[in-house]
Amino acid sequence: MDKLTKARTTELRNERNRFAALAFVWGDILLELDGDFRIVFASGASDSILGRRPQDLSGHLFHSLLAKQFQPLVTEMLQVARRRGRMDNIQVRFVQADQQLTPPVSMSGYFLPDLGDHFFVALRVAINALPPDVARSIQRDHETGLLDEESLSKVVTERLVTQRETGTQHKFTLMTLNAFDPLCKRMEQIERDELLASVGAFLRAHSVAGDTAGRLGSNQFGMLHRPDVPIGELEQRIVDCARDADPKGLGIEVSSSVTDFTAEVIPPGDLARGVLYSIRRFCDRQEHGFTFSRLMGQANNLVNDTFSAMHDFGTRVDQLKFDAAYQPIVRLPSAEIHHFEVLVRFYNDDGELIPTQQLITFAEQVNMVHRLDLAMMRRTIKWIRSQLDEGLTVRVATNVSGHSLGNPDFCRSVIALFERNRDTLGQLMIEITETSEISDIDSAAKWISRFREFGVEICLDDFGTGASNFRYLSALEVDYVKIDGESIHQSMKSRKGQAFMRSLVDLCHSIDVKVVGEMIETDKMRELITKAGFDFAQGYLFGKPEADISLYWRDSSTRRR
């Protein structure tokens, strides 16, 4: 009787523990797996999700129900649960009885060694699901099953937005597998594929929702994860796996940089670009081209440094905390000043000039250049008004990125600014820069036409480089083109090049577009472009950018010709 009582007590305790465990992992389907991952108990809406009744699941190996591409991931997740005691929501898909794949299913669970080393798993549809537009755009590395860099940035952004709403905390790890490429070359194709699949499974299994990890290069990876993920242990597992797979037994070394996120103030759209910028900076191993006090280009702070720079940059731009310099554009052959190009100048906290081109590239890559362009236009119009109040009619051209022309909010803001400042627009010109390609040229053409209706003349900058050239010239109504200085210098080295440049100038003149030569620094170059028919010139021969325009010319009566 005592033995029967003891056995019954043990059974009841096990039942109590089982249902207590299942209560923690509530879902649409509840499963219990033994140590070999075989289903020993099933309950819930398995018919609608898996296409099988609960009683038909008992005895099946859990992996046999999974889509093939998710089997390595789930194997690793169960091993993680065996060590850590639990696994958080990960996204998986199953094969239904009719061989169709299920929608994404969230899987979570516990491992209880006191209950026969059993796993208790909950499956539920649409937990941590990505928005449909993001899910449709996802691209993967076919060797590891991990997200590519752009997809990773999108998914990380979605998780960070959720983090803001839920208060959960995540860390972001950038990982480099040193000597990984030579290792792959030493391996046979099958062994290499297995190693890459294992690395992908390791990273996905430890990432948020089991699918916030990406391959960023041949030997570089990124992962968003919970703070308690043991990165050192994960590194060692990858090292051990690589050494075991290496025919020479040499293996690899793994180096990681882990950072927190402090991106609460960054809008979701800018957040995505900030994450992508950080990922690309990590991959190309370049230091940031400029530095505020908190942006030092250190890899271990790369993500947060990017967000700090974005916040700092946005604040300075919105409050007009930057300087301007003015460089003259002169008429040929007289060299009389026709107008000035206004150039932005940022300085770091040590008073050092931040290289302008690198700053503009940063602003474009993190989707903030439109804010700079609008701020610069506001400042320029304010400056024109101050000159008019002094009786001076100084004509200036301000730069607008091709990227900004693809932003309808920016273009509408420009129109509103023009409406409020019509009396200044006779002195305003716009130079469209080609650092970033115009994504929608038809839309850009319509906005440019709107700008020209206010009497603002348009110059196409850097003609001869970038993606535009004749396509932009034929599609956009512009008044000037500025020929890139490097193109001029190369063309003027030979008779053939000079003939080509004259033909290009003649083409522009035939469509009533005036031509500006850039980077003119010697009398010989001035003579060559004058003979080629250039209308205007800009360069150190005629003056460097200066903050004080009075150093050049302040006689308003003869300024415009």
Protein backbone atom coordinates (compact mmCIF):
# COMPACT_ATOMS: atom_id res chain seq x y z
CA MET A 1 0.00 0.00 0.00
CA ASP A 2 2.85 2.35 0.83
CA LYS A 3 4.40 1.75 -2.58
CA LEU A 4 1.11 2.43 -4.33
CA THR A 5 0.60 5.60 -2.29
CA LYS A 6 4.10 6.77 -3.05
CA ALA A 7 3.66 6.06 -6.74
CA ARG A 8 0.33 7.88 -6.81
CA THR A 9 1.82 10.84 -4.94
CA THR A 10 4.68 11.03 -7.43
CA GLU A 11 2.24 10.89 -10.33
CA LEU A 12 0.11 13.67 -8.87
CA ARG A 13 3.18 15.79 -8.22
CA ASN A 14 4.29 15.27 -11.77
CA GLU A 15 0.87 16.23 -13.07
CA ARG A 16 0.92 19.33 -10.90
CA ASN A 17 4.37 20.31 -12.18
CA ARG A 18 3.36 19.57 -15.74
CA PHE A 19 0.34 21.83 -15.68
CA ALA A 20 2.26 24.49 -13.74
CA ALA A 21 4.86 24.46 -16.49
CA LEU A 22 2.22 24.60 -19.18
CA ALA A 23 0.58 27.54 -17.42
CA PHE A 24 3.80 29.51 -17.90
CA VAL A 25 3.91 28.87 -21.62
CA TRP A 26 0.30 29.41 -22.57
CA GLY A 27 -0.45 29.25 -26.25
CA ASP A 28 -2.77 27.91 -28.92
CA ILE A 29 -1.04 24.52 -28.72
CA LEU A 30 0.66 23.01 -25.67
CA LEU A 31 3.21 20.22 -26.09
CA GLU A 32 5.37 18.10 -23.82
CA LEU A 33 8.55 16.61 -25.31
CA ASP A 34 10.77 13.96 -23.81
CA GLY A 35 14.56 14.15 -23.78
CA ASP A 36 14.68 12.88 -27.35
CA PHE A 37 12.30 15.64 -28.51
CA ARG A 38 9.43 13.18 -29.01
CA ILE A 39 5.91 14.45 -28.29
CA VAL A 40 4.40 12.74 -25.23
CA PHE A 41 1.51 15.13 -24.64
CA ALA A 42 -0.43 17.55 -26.86
CA SER A 43 -3.43 19.80 -26.32
CA GLY A 44 -5.05 22.76 -28.01
CA ALA A 45 -5.98 23.99 -31.48
CA SER A 46 -3.56 21.78 -33.38
CA ASP A 47 -6.16 21.01 -36.07
CA SER A 48 -6.35 24.60 -37.30
CA ILE A 49 -2.62 25.31 -37.06
CA LEU A 50 -0.86 22.04 -37.82
CA GLY A 51 -3.65 20.21 -39.61
CA ARG A 52 -3.44 17.33 -37.09
CA ARG A 53 -5.51 16.40 -34.04
CA PRO A 54 -3.76 16.51 -30.64
CA GLN A 55 -4.03 12.72 -30.21
CA ASP A 56 -2.36 12.25 -33.61
CA LEU A 57 0.71 14.21 -32.53
CA SER A 58 1.69 11.94 -29.65
CA GLY A 59 4.72 9.81 -30.48
CA HIS A 60 5.96 12.03 -33.33
CA LEU A 61 9.42 13.54 -33.25
CA PHE A 62 8.90 17.26 -32.88
CA HIS A 63 11.44 18.01 -35.63
CA SER A 64 9.49 15.94 -38.14
CA LEU A 65 6.67 18.49 -37.99
CA LEU A 66 8.92 21.46 -38.70
CA ALA A 67 9.71 22.94 -42.09
CA LYS A 68 13.20 21.78 -43.00
CA GLN A 69 14.79 25.22 -42.84
CA PHE A 70 13.72 25.61 -39.20
CA GLN A 71 14.99 22.27 -37.92
CA PRO A 72 18.57 23.44 -37.10
CA LEU A 73 17.18 26.52 -35.36
CA VAL A 74 14.79 24.56 -33.14
CA THR A 75 17.47 21.99 -32.32
CA GLU A 76 19.70 24.76 -31.09
CA MET A 77 16.85 26.45 -29.23
CA LEU A 78 16.03 23.26 -27.35
CA GLN A 79 19.70 22.87 -26.44
CA VAL A 80 19.68 26.46 -25.19
CA ALA A 81 16.59 25.65 -23.13
CA ARG A 82 18.33 22.58 -21.72
CA ARG A 83 21.12 24.82 -20.42
CA ARG A 84 19.17 27.94 -19.48
CA GLY A 85 15.89 26.38 -18.44
CA ARG A 86 13.74 28.33 -20.90
CA MET A 87 13.43 29.62 -24.43
CA ASP A 88 11.73 32.83 -25.44
CA ASN A 89 9.45 33.50 -28.39
CA ILE A 90 11.00 32.43 -31.68
CA GLN A 91 9.38 32.39 -35.08
CA VAL A 92 9.08 29.00 -36.82
CA ARG A 93 6.92 27.33 -39.46
CA PHE A 94 5.56 23.81 -39.61
CA VAL A 95 4.56 21.45 -42.41
CA GLN A 96 0.86 20.65 -42.32
CA ALA A 97 -0.59 17.26 -43.21
CA ASP A 98 -1.23 18.47 -46.78
CA GLN A 99 2.46 19.50 -47.05
CA GLN A 100 1.61 23.20 -46.98
CA LEU A 101 3.62 25.46 -44.68
CA THR A 102 1.87 27.02 -41.71
CA PRO A 103 1.87 30.78 -41.14
CA PRO A 104 4.65 31.96 -38.79
CA VAL A 105 4.17 30.44 -35.35
CA SER A 106 5.73 31.73 -32.15
CA MET A 107 7.36 29.06 -30.00
CA SER A 108 8.36 29.37 -26.33
CA GLY A 109 8.89 26.94 -23.50
CA TYR A 110 10.67 25.52 -20.46
CA PHE A 111 12.97 22.61 -19.69
CA LEU A 112 12.42 20.85 -16.34
CA PRO A 113 15.10 18.34 -15.31
CA ASP A 114 12.96 17.33 -12.31
CA LEU A 115 10.32 16.10 -14.70
CA GLY A 116 12.31 13.50 -16.58
CA ASP A 117 14.29 16.07 -18.55
CA HIS A 118 11.14 17.02 -20.43
CA PHE A 119 10.46 20.15 -22.46
CA PHE A 120 7.17 22.06 -22.20
CA VAL A 121 6.44 24.01 -25.34
CA ALA A 122 3.73 26.48 -26.32
CA LEU A 123 2.90 27.41 -29.90
CA ARG A 124 0.89 30.46 -30.79
CA VAL A 125 0.15 32.24 -34.05
CA ALA A 126 1.24 35.86 -34.63
CA ILE A 127 3.24 36.65 -31.50
CA ASN A 128 6.12 38.98 -32.39
CA ALA A 129 4.93 38.93 -36.00
CA LEU A 130 6.47 41.56 -38.23
CA PRO A 131 4.32 44.03 -40.18
CA PRO A 132 3.34 42.55 -43.56
CA ASP A 133 5.37 45.07 -45.58
CA VAL A 134 8.50 44.29 -43.57
CA ALA A 135 7.91 40.54 -43.71
CA ARG A 136 7.48 40.66 -47.50
CA SER A 137 10.70 42.62 -48.01
CA ILE A 138 12.96 40.33 -46.00
CA GLN A 139 15.94 38.82 -47.82
CA ARG A 140 18.18 36.08 -46.43
CA ASP A 141 21.67 34.78 -46.86
CA HIS A 142 21.07 31.36 -48.41
CA GLU A 143 24.07 29.72 -46.70
CA THR A 144 23.19 30.58 -43.11
CA GLY A 145 19.48 31.37 -43.28
CA LEU A 146 20.25 34.70 -41.60
CA LEU A 147 18.89 38.08 -42.67
CA ASP A 148 20.93 40.25 -45.01
CA GLU A 149 22.07 43.64 -43.71
CA GLU A 150 19.09 45.71 -44.91
CA SER A 151 16.59 43.13 -43.69
CA LEU A 152 18.36 42.96 -40.33
CA SER A 153 18.15 46.73 -39.96
CA LYS A 154 14.41 46.64 -40.67
CA VAL A 155 13.73 43.81 -38.22
CA VAL A 156 15.94 45.33 -35.52
CA THR A 157 14.03 48.59 -35.92
CA GLU A 158 10.68 46.81 -35.49
CA ARG A 159 11.97 45.09 -32.35
CA LEU A 160 13.28 48.36 -30.95
CA VAL A 161 9.95 50.09 -31.51
CA THR A 162 8.31 47.20 -29.63
CA GLN A 163 10.97 47.58 -26.94
CA ARG A 164 9.90 51.19 -26.43
CA GLU A 165 6.28 50.13 -26.04
CA THR A 166 6.90 47.20 -23.69
CA GLY A 167 9.86 48.49 -21.71
CA THR A 168 11.94 45.40 -22.46
CA GLN A 169 15.67 45.83 -22.94
CA HIS A 170 17.86 44.43 -25.66
CA LYS A 171 21.51 44.48 -26.59
CA PHE A 172 23.06 44.42 -30.03
CA THR A 173 26.16 42.37 -30.79
CA LEU A 174 28.38 42.73 -33.85
CA MET A 175 30.56 39.65 -34.32
CA THR A 176 33.59 38.95 -36.52
CA LEU A 177 34.81 35.41 -37.23
CA ASN A 178 38.53 35.96 -37.76
CA ALA A 179 40.25 33.58 -40.22
CA PHE A 180 36.82 32.30 -41.27
CA ASP A 181 37.33 32.78 -45.01
CA PRO A 182 40.56 30.71 -45.11
CA LEU A 183 38.79 28.04 -43.07
CA CYS A 184 35.94 27.84 -45.58
CA LYS A 185 38.44 27.44 -48.42
CA ARG A 186 40.02 24.46 -46.65
CA MET A 187 36.70 22.67 -46.26
CA GLU A 188 34.66 20.53 -48.62
CA GLN A 189 31.35 21.98 -49.81
CA ILE A 190 29.17 19.73 -47.63
CA GLU A 191 31.15 20.42 -44.45
CA ARG A 192 31.22 24.15 -45.23
CA ASP A 193 27.44 24.23 -45.71
CA GLU A 194 26.91 22.41 -42.42
CA LEU A 195 29.20 24.81 -40.57
CA LEU A 196 27.46 27.88 -41.99
CA ALA A 197 24.04 26.42 -41.17
CA SER A 198 25.24 25.77 -37.61
CA VAL A 199 26.56 29.31 -37.17
CA GLY A 200 23.24 30.64 -38.46
CA ALA A 201 21.31 28.41 -36.06
CA PHE A 202 23.47 29.45 -33.09
CA LEU A 203 22.88 33.14 -33.73
CA ARG A 204 19.18 32.88 -34.53
CA ALA A 205 18.56 30.74 -31.47
CA HIS A 206 19.96 33.44 -29.17
CA SER A 207 18.37 36.40 -30.97
CA VAL A 208 15.10 38.17 -30.20
CA ALA A 209 12.16 36.13 -31.53
CA GLY A 210 14.66 33.67 -32.97
CA ASP A 211 15.02 35.71 -36.14
CA THR A 212 16.81 38.98 -35.41
CA ALA A 213 20.26 37.93 -36.54
CA GLY A 214 21.97 38.70 -39.83
CA ARG A 215 24.99 37.96 -41.94
CA LEU A 216 26.65 41.26 -42.78
CA GLY A 217 29.66 40.02 -44.72
CA SER A 218 31.50 36.80 -45.41
CA ASN A 219 32.73 36.65 -41.80
CA GLN A 220 30.66 39.33 -40.05
CA PHE A 221 27.37 38.91 -38.21
CA GLY A 222 24.96 40.94 -36.11
CA MET A 223 22.34 39.95 -33.55
CA LEU A 224 19.76 41.67 -31.33
CA HIS A 225 19.33 39.72 -28.10
CA ARG A 226 18.29 39.76 -24.47
CA PRO A 227 20.82 41.15 -21.97
CA ASP A 228 21.27 37.76 -20.30
CA VAL A 229 22.45 35.96 -23.46
CA PRO A 230 25.95 34.63 -22.65
CA ILE A 231 27.89 36.01 -25.60
CA GLY A 232 31.14 34.49 -24.37
CA GLU A 233 29.60 31.03 -24.33
CA LEU A 234 28.14 31.56 -27.79
CA GLU A 235 31.53 32.63 -29.10
CA GLN A 236 33.09 29.49 -27.63
CA ARG A 237 30.46 27.25 -29.20
CA ILE A 238 31.19 28.76 -32.61
CA VAL A 239 34.94 28.39 -32.02
CA ASP A 240 34.52 24.74 -30.99
CA CYS A 241 32.26 23.99 -33.95
CA ALA A 242 34.70 25.58 -36.40
CA ARG A 243 37.71 23.78 -34.92
CA ASP A 244 35.92 20.41 -35.12
CA ALA A 245 35.01 21.08 -38.75
CA ASP A 246 38.48 22.30 -39.77
CA PRO A 247 40.45 19.54 -41.55
CA LYS A 248 43.63 21.08 -40.10
CA GLY A 249 42.14 21.57 -36.63
CA LEU A 250 43.16 25.25 -36.57
CA GLY A 251 39.73 26.80 -36.28
CA ILE A 252 39.01 30.50 -35.89
CA GLU A 253 38.90 33.30 -33.35
CA VAL A 254 35.71 35.22 -32.64
CA SER A 255 35.63 38.85 -31.58
CA SER A 256 32.44 40.65 -30.57
CA SER A 257 31.33 44.12 -29.62
CA VAL A 258 28.17 44.41 -27.52
CA THR A 259 26.23 47.63 -27.12
CA ASP A 260 23.03 48.81 -25.49
CA PHE A 261 20.48 50.89 -27.35
CA THR A 262 19.61 54.42 -26.25
CA ALA A 263 17.47 55.34 -29.24
CA GLU A 264 14.29 56.47 -27.50
CA VAL A 265 14.38 59.91 -29.12
CA ILE A 266 14.96 58.71 -32.68
CA PRO A 267 11.84 58.48 -34.92
CA PRO A 268 11.26 54.96 -36.35
CA GLY A 269 12.15 55.96 -39.91
CA ASP A 270 15.44 57.53 -38.86
CA LEU A 271 16.04 54.67 -36.45
CA ALA A 272 16.08 52.18 -39.31
CA ARG A 273 18.64 54.23 -41.23
CA GLY A 274 20.74 54.66 -38.09
CA VAL A 275 20.86 50.92 -37.52
CA LEU A 276 21.78 50.28 -41.16
CA TYR A 277 24.45 52.99 -41.08
CA SER A 278 25.98 51.41 -37.96
CA ILE A 279 25.96 47.97 -39.53
CA ARG A 280 27.69 49.22 -42.66
CA ARG A 281 30.26 51.15 -40.65
CA PHE A 282 31.03 47.96 -38.76
CA CYS A 283 31.39 46.00 -41.99
CA ASP A 284 33.70 48.40 -43.79
CA ARG A 285 35.75 49.06 -40.66
CA GLN A 286 35.94 52.75 -41.42
CA GLU A 287 35.94 55.32 -38.69
CA HIS A 288 33.19 57.93 -38.69
CA GLY A 289 34.13 60.81 -40.92
CA PHE A 290 33.30 63.38 -38.28
CA THR A 291 33.03 63.53 -34.56
CA PHE A 292 31.03 65.43 -32.03
CA SER A 293 32.08 65.00 -28.41
CA ARG A 294 30.38 61.60 -28.15
CA LEU A 295 31.06 60.25 -31.64
CA MET A 296 34.50 58.71 -31.63
CA GLY A 297 34.09 55.88 -34.13
CA GLN A 298 34.86 53.12 -31.63
CA ALA A 299 33.43 49.77 -32.70
CA ASN A 300 32.19 48.80 -29.26
CA ASN A 301 30.01 51.92 -29.11
CA LEU A 302 29.20 52.10 -32.80
CA VAL A 303 25.41 51.85 -32.65
CA ASN A 304 24.90 54.21 -29.73
CA ASP A 305 27.48 56.60 -31.12
CA THR A 306 25.47 56.71 -34.33
CA PHE A 307 22.26 57.50 -32.45
CA SER A 308 24.07 60.11 -30.35
CA ALA A 309 25.43 61.69 -33.52
CA MET A 310 21.97 61.66 -35.12
CA HIS A 311 20.47 63.34 -32.07
CA ASP A 312 23.28 65.88 -31.88
CA PHE A 313 23.15 66.54 -35.60
CA GLY A 314 19.36 66.98 -35.57
CA THR A 315 19.51 69.39 -32.63
CA ARG A 316 22.20 71.53 -34.22
CA VAL A 317 20.39 71.59 -37.54
CA ASP A 318 16.97 72.44 -36.12
CA GLN A 319 18.43 75.23 -33.97
CA LEU A 320 20.58 76.52 -36.89
CA LYS A 321 23.73 75.93 -34.87
CA PHE A 322 26.08 75.82 -37.82
CA ASP A 323 28.02 78.33 -39.86
CA ALA A 324 28.00 79.30 -43.51
CA ALA A 325 30.75 80.24 -45.94
CA TYR A 326 30.36 81.94 -49.31
CA GLN A 327 32.36 81.21 -52.45
CA PRO A 328 32.03 83.39 -55.57
CA ILE A 329 30.95 82.19 -59.01
CA VAL A 330 32.23 84.62 -61.63
CA ARG A 331 31.18 85.47 -65.15
CA LEU A 332 33.58 84.66 -67.98
CA PRO A 333 35.64 86.21 -69.39
CA SER A 334 35.30 89.31 -67.17
CA ALA A 335 35.59 87.47 -63.80
CA GLU A 336 32.88 89.71 -62.35
CA ILE A 337 31.02 88.05 -59.49
CA HIS A 338 27.64 86.74 -60.58
CA HIS A 339 26.56 85.02 -57.35
CA PHE A 340 27.88 83.08 -54.37
CA GLU A 341 27.48 79.44 -53.39
CA VAL A 342 26.67 79.16 -49.70
CA LEU A 343 28.38 76.20 -48.01
CA VAL A 344 27.54 74.69 -44.64
CA ARG A 345 30.22 74.50 -41.95
CA PHE A 346 30.00 72.34 -38.81
CA TYR A 347 32.57 72.31 -36.04
CA ASN A 348 33.09 69.74 -33.30
CA ASP A 349 33.35 70.61 -29.63
CA ASP A 350 37.09 71.21 -29.99
CA GLY A 351 36.48 73.84 -32.66
CA GLU A 352 37.76 71.66 -35.51
CA LEU A 353 36.02 71.81 -38.87
CA ILE A 354 34.11 68.61 -39.68
CA PRO A 355 34.78 67.62 -43.33
CA THR A 356 31.65 68.74 -45.14
CA GLN A 357 31.43 65.92 -47.66
CA GLN A 358 31.66 63.26 -44.96
CA LEU A 359 29.01 65.01 -42.92
CA ILE A 360 26.66 65.22 -45.91
CA THR A 361 27.21 61.52 -46.62
CA PHE A 362 26.35 60.72 -43.00
CA ALA A 363 23.21 62.87 -43.18
CA GLU A 364 22.07 61.12 -46.37
CA GLN A 365 22.74 57.63 -45.06
CA VAL A 366 20.76 58.21 -41.85
CA ASN A 367 17.93 59.96 -43.69
CA MET A 368 18.48 63.39 -42.16
CA VAL A 369 19.90 65.42 -45.05
CA HIS A 370 16.47 66.92 -45.82
CA ARG A 371 16.50 68.52 -42.36
CA LEU A 372 19.91 70.05 -43.09
CA ASP A 373 18.82 71.26 -46.53
CA LEU A 374 15.70 72.89 -45.12
CA ALA A 375 17.63 74.49 -42.26
CA MET A 376 20.24 75.80 -44.69
CA MET A 377 17.53 77.29 -46.88
CA ARG A 378 15.90 78.94 -43.86
CA ARG A 379 19.24 80.38 -42.81
CA THR A 380 20.04 81.56 -46.35
CA ILE A 381 16.70 83.34 -46.78
CA LYS A 382 17.18 84.97 -43.39
CA TRP A 383 20.65 86.10 -44.49
CA ILE A 384 19.34 87.47 -47.80
CA ARG A 385 16.75 89.49 -45.90
CA SER A 386 19.45 90.95 -43.65
CA GLN A 387 21.43 92.00 -46.74
CA LEU A 388 18.35 93.56 -48.34
CA ASP A 389 17.75 95.54 -45.14
CA GLU A 390 21.23 96.99 -45.63
CA GLY A 391 20.46 97.84 -49.27
CA LEU A 392 22.52 94.99 -50.74
CA THR A 393 21.24 92.56 -53.36
CA VAL A 394 23.57 89.62 -52.90
CA ARG A 395 22.59 86.59 -54.93
CA VAL A 396 23.34 83.17 -53.38
CA ALA A 397 22.82 79.51 -54.24
CA THR A 398 22.05 76.96 -51.54
CA ASN A 399 22.50 73.21 -51.96
CA VAL A 400 19.68 70.66 -51.98
CA SER A 401 20.48 66.95 -52.05
CA GLY A 402 18.87 64.72 -54.65
CA HIS A 403 17.81 62.64 -51.66
CA SER A 404 15.78 65.57 -50.30
CA LEU A 405 13.90 65.99 -53.57
CA GLY A 406 12.50 62.52 -52.97
CA ASN A 407 10.98 63.65 -49.68
CA PRO A 408 7.52 65.23 -50.24
CA ASP A 409 7.47 66.73 -46.74
CA PHE A 410 10.71 68.57 -47.47
CA CYS A 411 9.42 69.88 -50.79
CA ARG A 412 6.14 71.06 -49.25
CA SER A 413 8.09 72.82 -46.49
CA VAL A 414 10.19 74.61 -49.13
CA ILE A 415 7.05 75.81 -50.90
CA ALA A 416 5.64 77.08 -47.60
CA LEU A 417 8.93 78.87 -46.89
CA PHE A 418 8.82 80.48 -50.34
CA GLU A 419 5.24 81.63 -49.80
CA ARG A 420 6.30 83.49 -46.64
CA ASN A 421 9.41 85.06 -48.16
CA ARG A 422 8.56 86.01 -51.73
CA ASP A 423 10.46 89.31 -51.50
CA THR A 424 13.79 87.47 -50.99
CA LEU A 425 13.51 84.90 -53.77
CA GLY A 426 15.00 87.10 -56.48
CA GLN A 427 18.35 86.59 -54.76
CA LEU A 428 17.96 82.83 -54.19
CA MET A 429 19.19 79.96 -56.36
CA ILE A 430 19.19 76.21 -55.70
CA GLU A 431 21.99 73.80 -56.56
CA ILE A 432 20.87 70.18 -56.77
CA THR A 433 23.72 67.98 -55.61
CA GLU A 434 24.15 64.42 -56.86
CA THR A 435 25.75 62.80 -53.85
CA SER A 436 22.54 60.79 -53.61
CA GLU A 437 20.68 59.65 -56.72
CA ILE A 438 17.17 61.00 -57.21
CA SER A 439 14.88 58.02 -56.69
CA ASP A 440 11.79 59.38 -58.47
CA ILE A 441 12.90 61.70 -61.23
CA ASP A 442 9.33 62.48 -62.44
CA SER A 443 8.30 63.63 -58.97
CA ALA A 444 11.50 65.64 -58.61
CA ALA A 445 10.83 67.34 -61.95
CA LYS A 446 7.39 68.45 -60.74
CA TRP A 447 8.81 69.93 -57.52
CA ILE A 448 11.58 71.73 -59.39
CA SER A 449 8.96 73.26 -61.69
CA ARG A 450 7.09 74.48 -58.59
CA PHE A 451 10.28 76.07 -57.24
CA ARG A 452 10.95 77.81 -60.56
CA GLU A 453 7.43 79.31 -60.50
CA PHE A 454 8.67 81.46 -57.60
CA GLY A 455 11.50 82.82 -59.77
CA VAL A 456 14.15 80.61 -58.15
CA GLU A 457 16.74 79.46 -60.67
CA ILE A 458 18.03 75.89 -60.55
CA CYS A 459 21.58 74.61 -61.05
CA LEU A 460 22.43 70.93 -61.56
CA ASP A 461 25.63 70.41 -59.57
CA ASP A 462 28.48 67.95 -60.24
CA PHE A 463 27.44 67.32 -63.81
CA GLY A 464 29.69 64.69 -65.33
CA THR A 465 29.76 62.44 -62.24
CA GLY A 466 27.30 60.29 -60.35
CA ALA A 467 24.25 58.56 -61.73
CA SER A 468 22.49 61.41 -63.49
CA ASN A 469 24.39 63.09 -66.31
CA PHE A 470 22.22 63.37 -69.42
CA ARG A 471 19.20 61.63 -67.90
CA TYR A 472 18.82 64.41 -65.35
CA LEU A 473 19.58 67.11 -67.89
CA SER A 474 16.84 65.85 -70.20
CA ALA A 475 14.25 65.32 -67.46
CA LEU A 476 14.72 68.35 -65.20
CA GLU A 477 14.09 71.99 -66.08
CA VAL A 478 17.30 73.67 -64.95
CA ASP A 479 18.94 76.99 -65.68
CA TYR A 480 22.58 76.05 -65.08
CA VAL A 481 24.79 72.98 -64.96
CA LYS A 482 28.02 72.91 -63.00
CA ILE A 483 30.63 70.69 -64.63
CA ASP A 484 32.55 68.62 -62.10
CA GLY A 485 36.10 69.90 -61.64
CA GLU A 486 37.76 66.50 -61.98
CA SER A 487 35.97 65.94 -65.28
CA ILE A 488 37.21 69.30 -66.54
CA HIS A 489 40.80 68.59 -65.51
CA GLN A 490 40.77 65.18 -67.20
CA SER A 491 39.14 66.44 -70.40
CA MET A 492 41.50 69.38 -70.80
CA LYS A 493 44.56 67.09 -70.89
CA SER A 494 43.99 66.14 -74.53
CA ARG A 495 42.60 67.62 -77.75
CA LYS A 496 39.99 64.89 -77.86
CA GLY A 497 38.88 65.70 -74.32
CA GLN A 498 38.73 69.42 -75.09
CA ALA A 499 36.60 68.74 -78.15
CA PHE A 500 34.24 66.64 -76.06
CA MET A 501 33.95 69.42 -73.47
CA ARG A 502 33.16 72.00 -76.17
CA SER A 503 30.45 69.70 -77.53
CA LEU A 504 28.97 69.31 -74.05
CA VAL A 505 28.89 73.08 -73.58
CA ASP A 506 27.27 73.52 -77.02
CA LEU A 507 24.61 70.95 -76.09
CA CYS A 508 23.75 72.85 -72.92
CA HIS A 509 23.58 76.14 -74.77
CA SER A 510 21.26 74.61 -77.36
CA ILE A 511 18.69 73.92 -74.62
CA ASP A 512 19.22 77.35 -73.02
CA VAL A 513 21.26 76.07 -70.06
CA LYS A 514 24.32 78.04 -68.90
CA VAL A 515 27.51 76.22 -67.90
CA VAL A 516 29.66 76.69 -64.78
CA GLY A 517 33.19 75.29 -64.50
CA GLU A 518 34.20 74.07 -61.07
CA MET A 519 37.63 73.82 -59.36
CA ILE A 520 39.31 76.43 -61.56
CA GLU A 521 42.60 77.17 -59.81
CA THR A 522 45.01 78.39 -62.51
CA ASP A 523 45.02 80.96 -65.29
CA LYS A 524 45.61 78.16 -67.80
CA MET A 525 42.42 76.35 -66.73
CA ARG A 526 40.53 79.65 -66.89
CA GLU A 527 41.75 80.20 -70.45
CA LEU A 528 40.85 76.64 -71.52
CA ILE A 529 37.27 76.73 -70.21
CA THR A 530 36.75 80.23 -71.62
CA LYS A 531 37.73 78.94 -75.08
CA ALA A 532 35.41 75.95 -74.57
CA GLY A 533 32.50 78.37 -74.12
CA PHE A 534 31.89 78.11 -70.37
CA ASP A 535 29.70 80.94 -69.06
CA PHE A 536 30.84 80.98 -65.43
CA ALA A 537 33.67 79.66 -63.26
CA GLN A 538 34.23 78.81 -59.61
CA GLY A 539 37.46 77.96 -57.84
CA TYR A 540 40.33 79.18 -55.71
CA LEU A 541 41.59 81.31 -58.58
CA PHE A 542 38.61 83.59 -57.94
CA GLY A 543 38.23 83.10 -54.20
CA LYS A 544 37.94 80.57 -51.39
CA PRO A 545 34.82 80.14 -49.24
CA GLU A 546 34.70 82.94 -46.67
CA ALA A 547 32.33 83.57 -43.78
CA ASP A 548 32.49 87.34 -44.36
CA ILE A 549 31.21 88.13 -47.83
CA SER A 550 32.47 91.72 -47.55
CA LEU A 551 35.94 90.36 -48.26
CA TYR A 552 34.82 89.98 -51.88
CA TRP A 553 32.42 92.56 -53.08
CA ARG A 554 29.60 94.60 -51.56
CA ASP A 555 28.73 96.97 -54.42
CA SER A 556 25.04 96.22 -54.94
CA SER A 557 24.68 98.38 -58.03
CA THR A 558 26.80 96.15 -60.28
CA ARG A 559 26.35 92.75 -58.74
CA ARG A 560 23.95 91.13 -61.26
CA ARG A 561 24.71 91.09 -64.97
